[in-house]
Amino acid sequence: MAKKAVVYIFYDKNTDKFLVENRTKDQFLAGEKSFPGGKVEQNELDDLTITLIREAKEELGVDILEYVKLIPAVIGIGGFMLYPYLVTSWGGQIPEKVLDKGSILEWVDRKTFKPKLKPVKELLKLARAYLTKL
């Protein structure tokens, strides 16, 4: 069975921007921009929204209020299946850095953001397509 991770794509409709993480030199894929996320724990396999809520709290210190699961899952680097969620409302203040890793967080323009990594490009395409339908 493939390893699973949840990716949360925070979208600020007021600024038309997505939240990305700038990977530190000590992290896998150092220097790249990616959407934050986290590994699915064994006890969360039946409901990935548990991972979404847990990881957002651990990494960003916020509570997720509104989200939609994007389909399909994306094949990530390192053998992970990435399950994306578009988060449109949250409680709390987004920090400047990921709380448990220290990577810098940045808001990027929804239309002009051009990631280098293929999985990030695919996740971005799903999020943009969903927002275009609204």
Protein backbone atom coordinates (compact mmCIF):
# COMPACT_ATOMS: atom_id res chain seq x y z
CA MET A 1 0.00 0.00 0.00
CA ALA A 2 1.29 3.45 -0.93
CA LYS A 3 2.09 5.92 1.80
CA LYS A 4 -0.57 8.62 2.14
CA ALA A 5 -0.33 12.31 2.87
CA VAL A 6 -2.86 15.10 3.03
CA VAL A 7 -2.01 18.37 1.29
CA TYR A 8 -3.85 21.48 2.36
CA ILE A 9 -4.10 24.31 -0.11
CA PHE A 10 -5.12 27.42 1.80
CA TYR A 11 -6.85 29.96 -0.43
CA ASP A 12 -7.50 33.57 0.56
CA LYS A 13 -10.35 34.78 -1.65
CA ASN A 14 -9.79 38.41 -0.58
CA THR A 15 -6.28 38.48 -2.06
CA ASP A 16 -6.71 35.62 -4.61
CA LYS A 17 -3.64 33.88 -3.19
CA PHE A 18 -2.53 30.40 -2.11
CA LEU A 19 -0.32 29.61 0.88
CA VAL A 20 2.94 27.81 0.07
CA GLU A 21 5.81 26.52 2.15
CA ASN A 22 9.41 27.30 1.20
CA ARG A 23 11.31 24.13 2.08
CA THR A 24 14.40 24.67 4.27
CA LYS A 25 17.89 23.42 3.40
CA ASP A 26 17.46 20.64 5.97
CA GLN A 27 14.23 19.30 4.46
CA PHE A 28 13.52 16.87 1.65
CA LEU A 29 13.16 18.93 -1.58
CA ALA A 30 15.13 21.81 -0.06
CA GLY A 31 14.57 25.18 -1.70
CA GLU A 32 11.33 24.18 -3.41
CA LYS A 33 7.90 25.71 -2.92
CA SER A 34 5.14 23.29 -2.03
CA PHE A 35 1.76 23.24 -0.39
CA PRO A 36 1.89 22.29 3.31
CA GLY A 37 0.68 18.88 4.35
CA GLY A 38 1.39 15.85 6.45
CA LYS A 39 1.45 12.09 6.66
CA VAL A 40 -1.70 10.12 7.35
CA GLU A 41 -1.44 8.13 10.57
CA GLN A 42 -2.60 4.50 10.69
CA ASN A 43 -5.65 5.39 12.81
CA GLU A 44 -6.71 8.08 10.30
CA LEU A 45 -6.92 5.90 7.16
CA ASP A 46 -10.74 5.74 7.23
CA ASP A 47 -11.19 9.52 7.44
CA LEU A 48 -8.48 11.72 5.95
CA THR A 49 -10.17 14.87 7.23
CA ILE A 50 -8.82 13.88 10.66
CA THR A 51 -5.31 14.24 9.19
CA LEU A 52 -6.25 17.55 7.57
CA ILE A 53 -7.47 19.02 10.85
CA ARG A 54 -4.61 17.57 12.95
CA GLU A 55 -1.84 18.65 10.58
CA ALA A 56 -3.19 22.19 10.10
CA LYS A 57 -3.25 22.59 13.88
CA GLU A 58 0.26 21.13 14.35
CA GLU A 59 1.92 22.97 11.48
CA LEU A 60 -0.01 26.25 11.30
CA GLY A 61 -1.79 26.52 14.64
CA VAL A 62 -5.16 27.15 12.97
CA ASP A 63 -8.54 25.46 12.98
CA ILE A 64 -10.00 24.52 9.61
CA LEU A 65 -13.55 25.80 9.20
CA GLU A 66 -14.39 25.29 5.50
CA TYR A 67 -12.75 22.97 2.99
CA VAL A 68 -13.43 20.81 -0.02
CA LYS A 69 -11.65 17.60 -0.98
CA LEU A 70 -10.16 17.88 -4.45
CA ILE A 71 -10.20 14.85 -6.74
CA PRO A 72 -8.20 12.93 -7.87
CA ALA A 73 -5.30 12.18 -5.56
CA VAL A 74 -1.88 13.05 -6.99
CA ILE A 75 1.19 10.84 -7.08
CA GLY A 76 3.90 12.58 -5.11
CA ILE A 77 7.64 12.25 -4.87
CA GLY A 78 8.92 9.49 -2.59
CA GLY A 79 6.03 7.09 -3.16
CA PHE A 80 3.32 9.14 -1.47
CA MET A 81 -0.27 9.43 -2.62
CA LEU A 82 -1.24 13.05 -2.01
CA TYR A 83 -4.85 13.79 -1.07
CA PRO A 84 -5.52 17.50 -1.65
CA TYR A 85 -7.95 19.70 0.24
CA LEU A 86 -8.75 23.29 -0.67
CA VAL A 87 -9.18 25.26 2.56
CA THR A 88 -11.22 28.46 2.20
CA SER A 89 -11.89 29.39 5.83
CA TRP A 90 -9.93 28.93 9.03
CA GLY A 91 -9.83 30.19 12.57
CA GLY A 92 -6.65 31.77 13.86
CA GLN A 93 -3.67 33.59 12.41
CA ILE A 94 -1.42 31.91 9.82
CA PRO A 95 2.15 32.11 11.18
CA GLU A 96 5.21 33.28 9.23
CA LYS A 97 6.79 29.83 9.53
CA VAL A 98 5.59 26.25 9.77
CA LEU A 99 5.47 25.66 13.53
CA ASP A 100 7.03 22.20 13.65
CA LYS A 101 9.58 22.60 10.79
CA GLY A 102 10.50 26.26 10.59
CA SER A 103 9.99 26.60 6.83
CA ILE A 104 8.88 30.04 5.73
CA LEU A 105 5.27 30.42 4.60
CA GLU A 106 4.37 32.71 1.73
CA TRP A 107 1.17 33.79 -0.02
CA VAL A 108 1.48 33.47 -3.81
CA ASP A 109 -0.79 34.75 -6.56
CA ARG A 110 -3.27 32.10 -7.70
CA LYS A 111 -2.84 32.94 -11.39
CA THR A 112 0.90 33.58 -11.65
CA PHE A 113 2.40 30.98 -9.27
CA LYS A 114 4.63 28.62 -11.30
CA PRO A 115 5.92 25.72 -9.20
CA LYS A 116 8.82 23.57 -10.42
CA LEU A 117 7.78 20.21 -8.97
CA LYS A 118 5.38 18.09 -11.03
CA PRO A 119 3.16 17.05 -8.09
CA VAL A 120 2.82 20.69 -6.98
CA LYS A 121 1.90 21.66 -10.56
CA GLU A 122 -0.81 18.96 -10.57
CA LEU A 123 -2.18 20.05 -7.18
CA LEU A 124 -2.23 23.66 -8.34
CA LYS A 125 -4.12 22.66 -11.48
CA LEU A 126 -6.81 20.92 -9.38
CA ALA A 127 -7.21 23.94 -7.09
CA ARG A 128 -7.37 26.40 -9.98
CA ALA A 129 -9.93 24.25 -11.81
CA TYR A 130 -12.16 24.07 -8.73
CA LEU A 131 -11.99 27.83 -8.15
CA THR A 132 -12.79 28.52 -11.81
CA LYS A 133 -16.09 26.65 -11.37
CA LEU A 134 -17.20 28.92 -8.50
